[in-house]
Structures are given as C-alpha cells and as structure tokens.
Amino acid sequence: MHHDRKGVPVIENYQYTNRFEHDLKKLSPEIREDVKKALKDLKINPRSNRLRLNRLADYHPPIYAIHATSNHSHKITMNINGATAVLRRVGTHKEIDRNP
C-alpha cells in the first residue's frame, strides 16, 4: 500500500472483481450513486470520517472496508495492492460483515 508523507494511504486506481460488479448491479440506483461518490472520496481523502476506512481483522491478505452511504447502511470491501484498490464486495452492512 502506498502512503503519502502523512501516512495516509494513496488510492489512484480501482480494479473491479466479478463479485463486486455482480453486487453493484443488485443495488438501487440511489445506492449506486452513493457507491460512486464514496469511491471518488476514497481517491481524494481515504481517511475521511465519512468513509471510516478500516482494516478487517484476521484476513490475509488484508481486507479493508469503507462505508458507502452516509447512513452507514452499505459497505465496500477491498484489498489494496500498491495504489490500486481491488474492490471485492458491496452490500449491506450485515451482508459484508458475514462475508467480506
């Protein structure tokens, strides 16, 4: 994972897994717009309080999660490979907590 001088991760690119694309298609248009905004915000400021970027425990390679919606109903999970976020899943908080 790349970091800037302040230790903040730098995300420059996204890679979509088939599972992420499948999950995304199941979401309402409103939630898909929230997902787009969250991914845009992730590139600008990964440490934004709105996103709540965190590493999930006990996964190797590490899995990270962000909140995709302002009400925290949906999350996005990813692996970070250099400056590329490999997007794994998007779904409700409950779905993601069960299977990131």
PDB file of N, CA and C in Angstrom:
ATOM      1  N   MET A   1       0.846  -1.167   0.000  1.00  0.00           N
ATOM      2  CA  MET A   1       0.000   0.000   0.000  1.00  0.00           C
ATOM      3  C   MET A   1       0.891   1.230   0.000  1.00  0.00           C
ATOM      4  N   HIS A   2       0.579   2.182  -0.860  1.00  0.00           N
ATOM      5  CA  HIS A   2       1.312   3.444  -0.923  1.00  0.00           C
ATOM      6  C   HIS A   2       0.729   4.416   0.098  1.00  0.00           C
ATOM      7  N   HIS A   3       1.612   5.209   0.700  1.00  0.00           N
ATOM      8  CA  HIS A   3       1.184   6.235   1.649  1.00  0.00           C
ATOM      9  C   HIS A   3       1.790   7.569   1.246  1.00  0.00           C
ATOM     10  N   ASP A   4       1.087   8.650   1.600  1.00  0.00           N
ATOM     11  CA  ASP A   4       1.684   9.959   1.389  1.00  0.00           C
ATOM     12  C   ASP A   4       2.608  10.275   2.563  1.00  0.00           C
ATOM     13  N   ARG A   5       3.134  11.473   2.599  1.00  0.00           N
ATOM     14  CA  ARG A   5       4.090  11.836   3.659  1.00  0.00           C
ATOM     15  C   ARG A   5       3.475  11.835   5.048  1.00  0.00           C
ATOM     16  N   LYS A   6       2.164  11.944   5.146  1.00  0.00           N
ATOM     17  CA  LYS A   6       1.486  11.948   6.440  1.00  0.00           C
ATOM     18  C   LYS A   6       1.035  10.550   6.854  1.00  0.00           C
ATOM     19  N   GLY A   7       1.351   9.535   6.049  1.00  0.00           N
ATOM     20  CA  GLY A   7       0.975   8.169   6.372  1.00  0.00           C
ATOM     21  C   GLY A   7      -0.420   7.776   5.904  1.00  0.00           C
ATOM     22  N   VAL A   8      -1.045   8.626   5.104  1.00  0.00           N
ATOM     23  CA  VAL A   8      -2.388   8.337   4.586  1.00  0.00           C
ATOM     24  C   VAL A   8      -2.253   7.490   3.327  1.00  0.00           C
ATOM     25  N   PRO A   9      -3.019   6.384   3.223  1.00  0.00           N
ATOM     26  CA  PRO A   9      -2.933   5.555   2.016  1.00  0.00           C
ATOM     27  C   PRO A   9      -3.317   6.362   0.769  1.00  0.00           C
ATOM     28  N   VAL A  10      -2.657   6.056  -0.338  1.00  0.00           N
ATOM     29  CA  VAL A  10      -2.936   6.723  -1.605  1.00  0.00           C
ATOM     30  C   VAL A  10      -3.597   5.709  -2.541  1.00  0.00           C
ATOM     31  N   ILE A  11      -4.803   6.035  -2.999  1.00  0.00           N
ATOM     32  CA  ILE A  11      -5.534   5.189  -3.945  1.00  0.00           C
ATOM     33  C   ILE A  11      -5.604   5.955  -5.260  1.00  0.00           C
ATOM     34  N   GLU A  12      -5.020   5.382  -6.307  1.00  0.00           N
ATOM     35  CA  GLU A  12      -5.020   6.042  -7.613  1.00  0.00           C
ATOM     36  C   GLU A  12      -5.912   5.335  -8.623  1.00  0.00           C
ATOM     37  N   ASN A  13      -6.117   4.035  -8.445  1.00  0.00           N
ATOM     38  CA  ASN A  13      -6.860   3.233  -9.422  1.00  0.00           C
ATOM     39  C   ASN A  13      -7.771   2.253  -8.713  1.00  0.00           C
ATOM     40  N   TYR A  14      -8.753   1.766  -9.466  1.00  0.00           N
ATOM     41  CA  TYR A  14      -9.647   0.720  -8.976  1.00  0.00           C
ATOM     42  C   TYR A  14      -9.622  -0.450  -9.934  1.00  0.00           C
ATOM     43  N   GLN A  15      -9.751  -1.620  -9.374  1.00  0.00           N
ATOM     44  CA  GLN A  15      -9.925  -2.841 -10.153  1.00  0.00           C
ATOM     45  C   GLN A  15     -11.175  -3.505  -9.585  1.00  0.00           C
ATOM     46  N   TYR A  16     -12.093  -3.859 -10.450  1.00  0.00           N
ATOM     47  CA  TYR A  16     -13.368  -4.429 -10.021  1.00  0.00           C
ATOM     48  C   TYR A  16     -13.338  -5.946 -10.169  1.00  0.00           C
ATOM     49  N   THR A  17     -13.679  -6.657  -9.096  1.00  0.00           N
ATOM     50  CA  THR A  17     -13.831  -8.101  -9.206  1.00  0.00           C
ATOM     51  C   THR A  17     -15.208  -8.398  -9.787  1.00  0.00           C
ATOM     52  N   ASN A  18     -15.380  -9.600 -10.316  1.00  0.00           N
ATOM     53  CA  ASN A  18     -16.685 -10.006 -10.839  1.00  0.00           C
ATOM     54  C   ASN A  18     -17.750  -9.952  -9.745  1.00  0.00           C
ATOM     55  N   ARG A  19     -17.355 -10.339  -8.535  1.00  0.00           N
ATOM     56  CA  ARG A  19     -18.299 -10.333  -7.415  1.00  0.00           C
ATOM     57  C   ARG A  19     -18.762  -8.910  -7.109  1.00  0.00           C
ATOM     58  N   PHE A  20     -17.838  -7.950  -7.125  1.00  0.00           N
ATOM     59  CA  PHE A  20     -18.200  -6.559  -6.881  1.00  0.00           C
ATOM     60  C   PHE A  20     -19.191  -6.072  -7.936  1.00  0.00           C
ATOM     61  N   GLU A  21     -18.905  -6.359  -9.198  1.00  0.00           N
ATOM     62  CA  GLU A  21     -19.795  -5.927 -10.278  1.00  0.00           C
ATOM     63  C   GLU A  21     -21.177  -6.564 -10.135  1.00  0.00           C
ATOM     64  N   HIS A  22     -21.225  -7.836  -9.754  1.00  0.00           N
ATOM     65  CA  HIS A  22     -22.497  -8.529  -9.525  1.00  0.00           C
ATOM     66  C   HIS A  22     -23.264  -7.867  -8.380  1.00  0.00           C
ATOM     67  N   ASP A  23     -22.574  -7.605  -7.263  1.00  0.00           N
ATOM     68  CA  ASP A  23     -23.205  -6.954  -6.115  1.00  0.00           C
ATOM     69  C   ASP A  23     -23.731  -5.572  -6.493  1.00  0.00           C
ATOM     70  N   LEU A  24     -22.951  -4.822  -7.261  1.00  0.00           N
ATOM     71  CA  LEU A  24     -23.310  -3.457  -7.642  1.00  0.00           C
ATOM     72  C   LEU A  24     -24.598  -3.438  -8.473  1.00  0.00           C
ATOM     73  N   LYS A  25     -24.746  -4.397  -9.367  1.00  0.00           N
ATOM     74  CA  LYS A  25     -25.937  -4.464 -10.223  1.00  0.00           C
ATOM     75  C   LYS A  25     -27.215  -4.700  -9.426  1.00  0.00           C
ATOM     76  N   LYS A  26     -27.096  -5.330  -8.263  1.00  0.00           N
ATOM     77  CA  LYS A  26     -28.264  -5.630  -7.439  1.00  0.00           C
ATOM     78  C   LYS A  26     -28.752  -4.417  -6.646  1.00  0.00           C
ATOM     79  N   LEU A  27     -27.943  -3.379  -6.552  1.00  0.00           N
ATOM     80  CA  LEU A  27     -28.281  -2.221  -5.731  1.00  0.00           C
ATOM     81  C   LEU A  27     -29.217  -1.265  -6.466  1.00  0.00           C
ATOM     82  N   SER A  28     -29.942  -0.483  -5.693  1.00  0.00           N
ATOM     83  CA  SER A  28     -30.823   0.532  -6.277  1.00  0.00           C
ATOM     84  C   SER A  28     -29.966   1.626  -6.922  1.00  0.00           C
ATOM     85  N   PRO A  29     -30.537   2.370  -7.865  1.00  0.00           N
ATOM     86  CA  PRO A  29     -29.778   3.468  -8.490  1.00  0.00           C
ATOM     87  C   PRO A  29     -29.260   4.491  -7.472  1.00  0.00           C
ATOM     88  N   GLU A  30     -30.033   4.746  -6.418  1.00  0.00           N
ATOM     89  CA  GLU A  30     -29.606   5.707  -5.391  1.00  0.00           C
ATOM     90  C   GLU A  30     -28.361   5.211  -4.654  1.00  0.00           C
ATOM     91  N   ILE A  31     -28.356   3.942  -4.297  1.00  0.00           N
ATOM     92  CA  ILE A  31     -27.202   3.377  -3.592  1.00  0.00           C
ATOM     93  C   ILE A  31     -25.991   3.322  -4.527  1.00  0.00           C
ATOM     94  N   ARG A  32     -26.211   3.004  -5.805  1.00  0.00           N
ATOM     95  CA  ARG A  32     -25.096   3.002  -6.774  1.00  0.00           C
ATOM     96  C   ARG A  32     -24.455   4.380  -6.871  1.00  0.00           C
ATOM     97  N   GLU A  33     -25.263   5.432  -6.827  1.00  0.00           N
ATOM     98  CA  GLU A  33     -24.714   6.797  -6.839  1.00  0.00           C
ATOM     99  C   GLU A  33     -23.882   7.057  -5.583  1.00  0.00           C
ATOM    100  N   ASP A  34     -24.363   6.571  -4.433  1.00  0.00           N
ATOM    101  CA  ASP A  34     -23.601   6.697  -3.189  1.00  0.00           C
ATOM    102  C   ASP A  34     -22.275   5.961  -3.291  1.00  0.00           C
ATOM    103  N   VAL A  35     -22.281   4.782  -3.924  1.00  0.00           N
ATOM    104  CA  VAL A  35     -21.048   3.998  -4.105  1.00  0.00           C
ATOM    105  C   VAL A  35     -20.057   4.782  -4.962  1.00  0.00           C
ATOM    106  N   LYS A  36     -20.536   5.374  -6.068  1.00  0.00           N
ATOM    107  CA  LYS A  36     -19.655   6.183  -6.927  1.00  0.00           C
ATOM    108  C   LYS A  36     -19.034   7.337  -6.149  1.00  0.00           C
ATOM    109  N   LYS A  37     -19.854   8.002  -5.333  1.00  0.00           N
ATOM    110  CA  LYS A  37     -19.356   9.127  -4.545  1.00  0.00           C
ATOM    111  C   LYS A  37     -18.318   8.656  -3.525  1.00  0.00           C
ATOM    112  N   ALA A  38     -18.587   7.537  -2.875  1.00  0.00           N
ATOM    113  CA  ALA A  38     -17.652   7.008  -1.881  1.00  0.00           C
ATOM    114  C   ALA A  38     -16.311   6.667  -2.530  1.00  0.00           C
ATOM    115  N   LEU A  39     -16.340   6.073  -3.719  1.00  0.00           N
ATOM    116  CA  LEU A  39     -15.097   5.718  -4.406  1.00  0.00           C
ATOM    117  C   LEU A  39     -14.345   6.967  -4.851  1.00  0.00           C
ATOM    118  N   LYS A  40     -15.071   7.991  -5.267  1.00  0.00           N
ATOM    119  CA  LYS A  40     -14.431   9.259  -5.617  1.00  0.00           C
ATOM    120  C   LYS A  40     -13.779   9.873  -4.374  1.00  0.00           C
ATOM    121  N   ASP A  41     -14.510   9.858  -3.255  1.00  0.00           N
ATOM    122  CA  ASP A  41     -13.975  10.386  -1.997  1.00  0.00           C
ATOM    123  C   ASP A  41     -12.759   9.598  -1.528  1.00  0.00           C
ATOM    124  N   LEU A  42     -12.755   8.297  -1.790  1.00  0.00           N
ATOM    125  CA  LEU A  42     -11.626   7.455  -1.385  1.00  0.00           C
ATOM    126  C   LEU A  42     -10.343   7.907  -2.068  1.00  0.00           C
ATOM    127  N   LYS A  43     -10.420   8.291  -3.342  1.00  0.00           N
ATOM    128  CA  LYS A  43      -9.235   8.791  -4.051  1.00  0.00           C
ATOM    129  C   LYS A  43      -8.784  10.131  -3.490  1.00  0.00           C
ATOM    130  N   ILE A  44      -9.741  10.982  -3.121  1.00  0.00           N
ATOM    131  CA  ILE A  44      -9.411  12.323  -2.640  1.00  0.00           C
ATOM    132  C   ILE A  44      -8.866  12.277  -1.216  1.00  0.00           C
ATOM    133  N   ASN A  45      -9.556  11.582  -0.321  1.00  0.00           N
ATOM    134  CA  ASN A  45      -9.152  11.531   1.087  1.00  0.00           C
ATOM    135  C   ASN A  45      -9.575  10.206   1.716  1.00  0.00           C
ATOM    136  N   PRO A  46      -8.707   9.197   1.652  1.00  0.00           N
ATOM    137  CA  PRO A  46      -9.061   7.885   2.202  1.00  0.00           C
ATOM    138  C   PRO A  46      -9.377   7.899   3.702  1.00  0.00           C
ATOM    139  N   ARG A  47      -8.865   8.866   4.413  1.00  0.00           N
ATOM    140  CA  ARG A  47      -9.091   8.931   5.863  1.00  0.00           C
ATOM    141  C   ARG A  47     -10.295   9.790   6.245  1.00  0.00           C
ATOM    142  N   SER A  48     -11.152  10.099   5.276  1.00  0.00           N
ATOM    143  CA  SER A  48     -12.356  10.886   5.545  1.00  0.00           C
ATOM    144  C   SER A  48     -13.198  10.208   6.627  1.00  0.00           C
ATOM    145  N   ASN A  49     -13.716  11.003   7.540  1.00  0.00           N
ATOM    146  CA  ASN A  49     -14.586  10.450   8.593  1.00  0.00           C
ATOM    147  C   ASN A  49     -15.834   9.809   8.006  1.00  0.00           C
ATOM    148  N   ARG A  50     -16.295  10.309   6.876  1.00  0.00           N
ATOM    149  CA  ARG A  50     -17.484   9.752   6.235  1.00  0.00           C
ATOM    150  C   ARG A  50     -17.261   8.317   5.780  1.00  0.00           C
ATOM    151  N   LEU A  51     -16.066   8.018   5.299  1.00  0.00           N
ATOM    152  CA  LEU A  51     -15.779   6.681   4.769  1.00  0.00           C
ATOM    153  C   LEU A  51     -15.472   5.663   5.860  1.00  0.00           C
ATOM    154  N   ARG A  52     -14.816   6.113   6.914  1.00  0.00           N
ATOM    155  CA  ARG A  52     -14.418   5.221   8.017  1.00  0.00           C
ATOM    156  C   ARG A  52     -13.605   4.020   7.535  1.00  0.00           C
ATOM    157  N   LEU A  53     -12.565   4.296   6.758  1.00  0.00           N
ATOM    158  CA  LEU A  53     -11.681   3.231   6.266  1.00  0.00           C
ATOM    159  C   LEU A  53     -11.111   2.457   7.446  1.00  0.00           C
ATOM    160  N   ASN A  54     -11.257   1.139   7.409  1.00  0.00           N
ATOM    161  CA  ASN A  54     -10.663   0.319   8.456  1.00  0.00           C
ATOM    162  C   ASN A  54     -10.261  -1.039   7.906  1.00  0.00           C
ATOM    163  N   ARG A  55      -9.269  -1.614   8.558  1.00  0.00           N
ATOM    164  CA  ARG A  55      -8.801  -2.950   8.195  1.00  0.00           C
ATOM    165  C   ARG A  55      -9.601  -3.972   8.990  1.00  0.00           C
ATOM    166  N   LEU A  56     -10.082  -4.998   8.297  1.00  0.00           N
ATOM    167  CA  LEU A  56     -10.817  -6.060   8.971  1.00  0.00           C
ATOM    168  C   LEU A  56      -9.820  -7.041   9.568  1.00  0.00           C
ATOM    169  N   ALA A  57     -10.094  -7.481  10.759  1.00  0.00           N
ATOM    170  CA  ALA A  57      -9.168  -8.354  11.483  1.00  0.00           C
ATOM    171  C   ALA A  57      -9.144  -9.757  10.883  1.00  0.00           C
ATOM    172  N   ASP A  58      -7.996 -10.390  10.993  1.00  0.00           N
ATOM    173  CA  ASP A  58      -7.813 -11.815  10.693  1.00  0.00           C
ATOM    174  C   ASP A  58      -7.931 -12.209   9.222  1.00  0.00           C
ATOM    175  N   TYR A  59      -7.688 -11.301   8.305  1.00  0.00           N
ATOM    176  CA  TYR A  59      -7.695 -11.652   6.890  1.00  0.00           C
ATOM    177  C   TYR A  59      -6.317 -11.402   6.305  1.00  0.00           C
ATOM    178  N   HIS A  60      -5.832 -12.399   5.554  1.00  0.00           N
ATOM    179  CA  HIS A  60      -4.534 -12.279   4.888  1.00  0.00           C
ATOM    180  C   HIS A  60      -4.700 -12.754   3.459  1.00  0.00           C
ATOM    181  N   PRO A  61      -4.452 -11.939   2.441  1.00  0.00           N
ATOM    182  CA  PRO A  61      -4.007 -10.557   2.558  1.00  0.00           C
ATOM    183  C   PRO A  61      -5.089  -9.684   3.188  1.00  0.00           C
ATOM    184  N   PRO A  62      -4.690  -8.531   3.727  1.00  0.00           N
ATOM    185  CA  PRO A  62      -5.631  -7.672   4.453  1.00  0.00           C
ATOM    186  C   PRO A  62      -6.819  -7.247   3.594  1.00  0.00           C
ATOM    187  N   ILE A  63      -7.977  -7.198   4.227  1.00  0.00           N
ATOM    188  CA  ILE A  63      -9.198  -6.680   3.610  1.00  0.00           C
ATOM    189  C   ILE A  63      -9.551  -5.393   4.338  1.00  0.00           C
ATOM    190  N   TYR A  64      -9.866  -4.367   3.566  1.00  0.00           N
ATOM    191  CA  TYR A  64     -10.255  -3.073   4.111  1.00  0.00           C
ATOM    192  C   TYR A  64     -11.711  -2.819   3.766  1.00  0.00           C
ATOM    193  N   ALA A  65     -12.385  -2.026   4.590  1.00  0.00           N
ATOM    194  CA  ALA A  65     -13.788  -1.683   4.355  1.00  0.00           C
ATOM    195  C   ALA A  65     -13.981  -0.183   4.497  1.00  0.00           C
ATOM    196  N   ILE A  66     -14.931   0.342   3.705  1.00  0.00           N
ATOM    197  CA  ILE A  66     -15.373   1.717   3.858  1.00  0.00           C
ATOM    198  C   ILE A  66     -16.892   1.724   3.852  1.00  0.00           C
ATOM    199  N   HIS A  67     -17.461   2.772   4.407  1.00  0.00           N
ATOM    200  CA  HIS A  67     -18.910   2.958   4.361  1.00  0.00           C
ATOM    201  C   HIS A  67     -19.254   3.633   3.039  1.00  0.00           C
ATOM    202  N   ALA A  68     -20.210   3.080   2.317  1.00  0.00           N
ATOM    203  CA  ALA A  68     -20.577   3.599   1.005  1.00  0.00           C
ATOM    204  C   ALA A  68     -21.692   4.634   1.091  1.00  0.00           C
ATOM    205  N   THR A  69     -22.469   4.601   2.151  1.00  0.00           N
ATOM    206  CA  THR A  69     -23.600   5.512   2.286  1.00  0.00           C
ATOM    207  C   THR A  69     -23.439   6.359   3.532  1.00  0.00           C
ATOM    208  N   SER A  70     -24.044   7.528   3.513  1.00  0.00           N
ATOM    209  CA  SER A  70     -23.911   8.436   4.661  1.00  0.00           C
ATOM    210  C   SER A  70     -24.606   7.899   5.909  1.00  0.00           C
ATOM    211  N   ASN A  71     -25.617   7.048   5.737  1.00  0.00           N
ATOM    212  CA  ASN A  71     -26.288   6.458   6.906  1.00  0.00           C
ATOM    213  C   ASN A  71     -25.630   5.135   7.326  1.00  0.00           C
ATOM    214  N   HIS A  72     -24.540   4.768   6.680  1.00  0.00           N
ATOM    215  CA  HIS A  72     -23.734   3.575   7.006  1.00  0.00           C
ATOM    216  C   HIS A  72     -24.481   2.261   6.796  1.00  0.00           C
ATOM    217  N   SER A  73     -25.493   2.268   5.925  1.00  0.00           N
ATOM    218  CA  SER A  73     -26.250   1.043   5.666  1.00  0.00           C
ATOM    219  C   SER A  73     -25.513   0.087   4.731  1.00  0.00           C
ATOM    220  N   HIS A  74     -24.592   0.601   3.907  1.00  0.00           N
ATOM    221  CA  HIS A  74     -23.874  -0.215   2.936  1.00  0.00           C
ATOM    222  C   HIS A  74     -22.367   0.001   3.057  1.00  0.00           C
ATOM    223  N   LYS A  75     -21.634  -1.081   2.795  1.00  0.00           N
ATOM    224  CA  LYS A  75     -20.168  -1.036   2.880  1.00  0.00           C
ATOM    225  C   LYS A  75     -19.551  -1.573   1.595  1.00  0.00           C
ATOM    226  N   ILE A  76     -18.305  -1.192   1.386  1.00  0.00           N
ATOM    227  CA  ILE A  76     -17.486  -1.686   0.274  1.00  0.00           C
ATOM    228  C   ILE A  76     -16.245  -2.312   0.888  1.00  0.00           C
ATOM    229  N   THR A  77     -15.868  -3.501   0.402  1.00  0.00           N
ATOM    230  CA  THR A  77     -14.620  -4.099   0.859  1.00  0.00           C
ATOM    231  C   THR A  77     -13.636  -4.157  -0.297  1.00  0.00           C
ATOM    232  N   MET A  78     -12.360  -4.151   0.066  1.00  0.00           N
ATOM    233  CA  MET A  78     -11.303  -4.124  -0.937  1.00  0.00           C
ATOM    234  C   MET A  78     -10.006  -4.665  -0.365  1.00  0.00           C
ATOM    235  N   ASN A  79      -9.151  -5.092  -1.285  1.00  0.00           N
ATOM    236  CA  ASN A  79      -7.751  -5.323  -0.980  1.00  0.00           C
ATOM    237  C   ASN A  79      -7.020  -4.140  -1.588  1.00  0.00           C
ATOM    238  N   ILE A  80      -5.916  -3.744  -0.995  1.00  0.00           N
ATOM    239  CA  ILE A  80      -5.147  -2.630  -1.546  1.00  0.00           C
ATOM    240  C   ILE A  80      -3.798  -3.177  -1.984  1.00  0.00           C
ATOM    241  N   ASN A  81      -3.542  -3.032  -3.289  1.00  0.00           N
ATOM    242  CA  ASN A  81      -2.320  -3.537  -3.900  1.00  0.00           C
ATOM    243  C   ASN A  81      -1.569  -2.336  -4.472  1.00  0.00           C
ATOM    244  N   GLY A  82      -0.578  -1.843  -3.736  1.00  0.00           N
ATOM    245  CA  GLY A  82       0.112  -0.627  -4.146  1.00  0.00           C
ATOM    246  C   GLY A  82      -0.855   0.530  -4.071  1.00  0.00           C
ATOM    247  N   ALA A  83      -1.069   1.223  -5.186  1.00  0.00           N
ATOM    248  CA  ALA A  83      -2.007   2.345  -5.239  1.00  0.00           C
ATOM    249  C   ALA A  83      -3.335   1.932  -5.875  1.00  0.00           C
ATOM    250  N   THR A  84      -3.559   0.624  -6.020  1.00  0.00           N
ATOM    251  CA  THR A  84      -4.787   0.119  -6.631  1.00  0.00           C
ATOM    252  C   THR A  84      -5.659  -0.547  -5.570  1.00  0.00           C
ATOM    253  N   ALA A  85      -6.911  -0.115  -5.514  1.00  0.00           N
ATOM    254  CA  ALA A  85      -7.893  -0.754  -4.639  1.00  0.00           C
ATOM    255  C   ALA A  85      -8.621  -1.808  -5.466  1.00  0.00           C
ATOM    256  N   VAL A  86      -8.496  -3.063  -5.061  1.00  0.00           N
ATOM    257  CA  VAL A  86      -9.190  -4.162  -5.728  1.00  0.00           C
ATOM    258  C   VAL A  86     -10.514  -4.342  -4.994  1.00  0.00           C
ATOM    259  N   LEU A  87     -11.598  -3.883  -5.626  1.00  0.00           N
ATOM    260  CA  LEU A  87     -12.915  -3.866  -4.991  1.00  0.00           C
ATOM    261  C   LEU A  87     -13.504  -5.271  -4.994  1.00  0.00           C
ATOM    262  N   ARG A  88     -13.793  -5.781  -3.794  1.00  0.00           N
ATOM    263  CA  ARG A  88     -14.244  -7.154  -3.606  1.00  0.00           C
ATOM    264  C   ARG A  88     -15.755  -7.286  -3.557  1.00  0.00           C
ATOM    265  N   ARG A  89     -16.385  -6.521  -2.656  1.00  0.00           N
ATOM    266  CA  ARG A  89     -17.833  -6.648  -2.408  1.00  0.00           C
ATOM    267  C   ARG A  89     -18.425  -5.279  -2.141  1.00  0.00           C
ATOM    268  N   VAL A  90     -19.720  -5.162  -2.376  1.00  0.00           N
ATOM    269  CA  VAL A  90     -20.513  -4.019  -1.937  1.00  0.00           C
ATOM    270  C   VAL A  90     -21.861  -4.574  -1.532  1.00  0.00           C
ATOM    271  N   GLY A  91     -22.333  -4.145  -0.381  1.00  0.00           N
ATOM    272  CA  GLY A  91     -23.616  -4.654   0.093  1.00  0.00           C
ATOM    273  C   GLY A  91     -23.985  -4.032   1.413  1.00  0.00           C
ATOM    274  N   THR A  92     -25.069  -4.554   1.992  1.00  0.00           N
ATOM    275  CA  THR A  92     -25.496  -4.034   3.283  1.00  0.00           C
ATOM    276  C   THR A  92     -24.441  -4.346   4.334  1.00  0.00           C
ATOM    277  N   HIS A  93     -24.495  -3.588   5.384  1.00  0.00           N
ATOM    278  CA  HIS A  93     -23.567  -3.776   6.499  1.00  0.00           C
ATOM    279  C   HIS A  93     -23.588  -5.234   6.951  1.00  0.00           C
ATOM    280  N   LYS A  94     -24.771  -5.788   7.083  1.00  0.00           N
ATOM    281  CA  LYS A  94     -24.930  -7.169   7.551  1.00  0.00           C
ATOM    282  C   LYS A  94     -24.312  -8.176   6.564  1.00  0.00           C
ATOM    283  N   GLU A  95     -24.569  -7.998   5.264  1.00  0.00           N
ATOM    284  CA  GLU A  95     -24.007  -8.894   4.249  1.00  0.00           C
ATOM    285  C   GLU A  95     -22.483  -8.878   4.277  1.00  0.00           C
ATOM    286  N   ILE A  96     -21.927  -7.693   4.354  1.00  0.00           N
ATOM    287  CA  ILE A  96     -20.476  -7.552   4.325  1.00  0.00           C
ATOM    288  C   ILE A  96     -19.843  -8.113   5.596  1.00  0.00           C
ATOM    289  N   ASP A  97     -20.475  -7.878   6.747  1.00  0.00           N
ATOM    290  CA  ASP A  97     -19.932  -8.421   7.994  1.00  0.00           C
ATOM    291  C   ASP A  97     -19.917  -9.938   7.967  1.00  0.00           C
ATOM    292  N   ARG A  98     -20.878 -10.556   7.298  1.00  0.00           N
ATOM    293  CA  ARG A  98     -20.932 -12.022   7.207  1.00  0.00           C
ATOM    294  C   ARG A  98     -19.931 -12.585   6.210  1.00  0.00           C
ATOM    295  N   ASN A  99     -19.714 -11.864   5.089  1.00  0.00           N
ATOM    296  CA  ASN A  99     -18.854 -12.369   4.025  1.00  0.00           C
ATOM    297  C   ASN A  99     -18.197 -11.191   3.278  1.00  0.00           C
ATOM    298  N   PRO A 100     -17.037 -10.722   3.787  1.00  0.00           N
ATOM    299  CA  PRO A 100     -16.410  -9.557   3.184  1.00  0.00           C
ATOM    300  C   PRO A 100     -15.797  -9.877   1.828  1.00  0.00           C
TER     301      PRO A 100
END
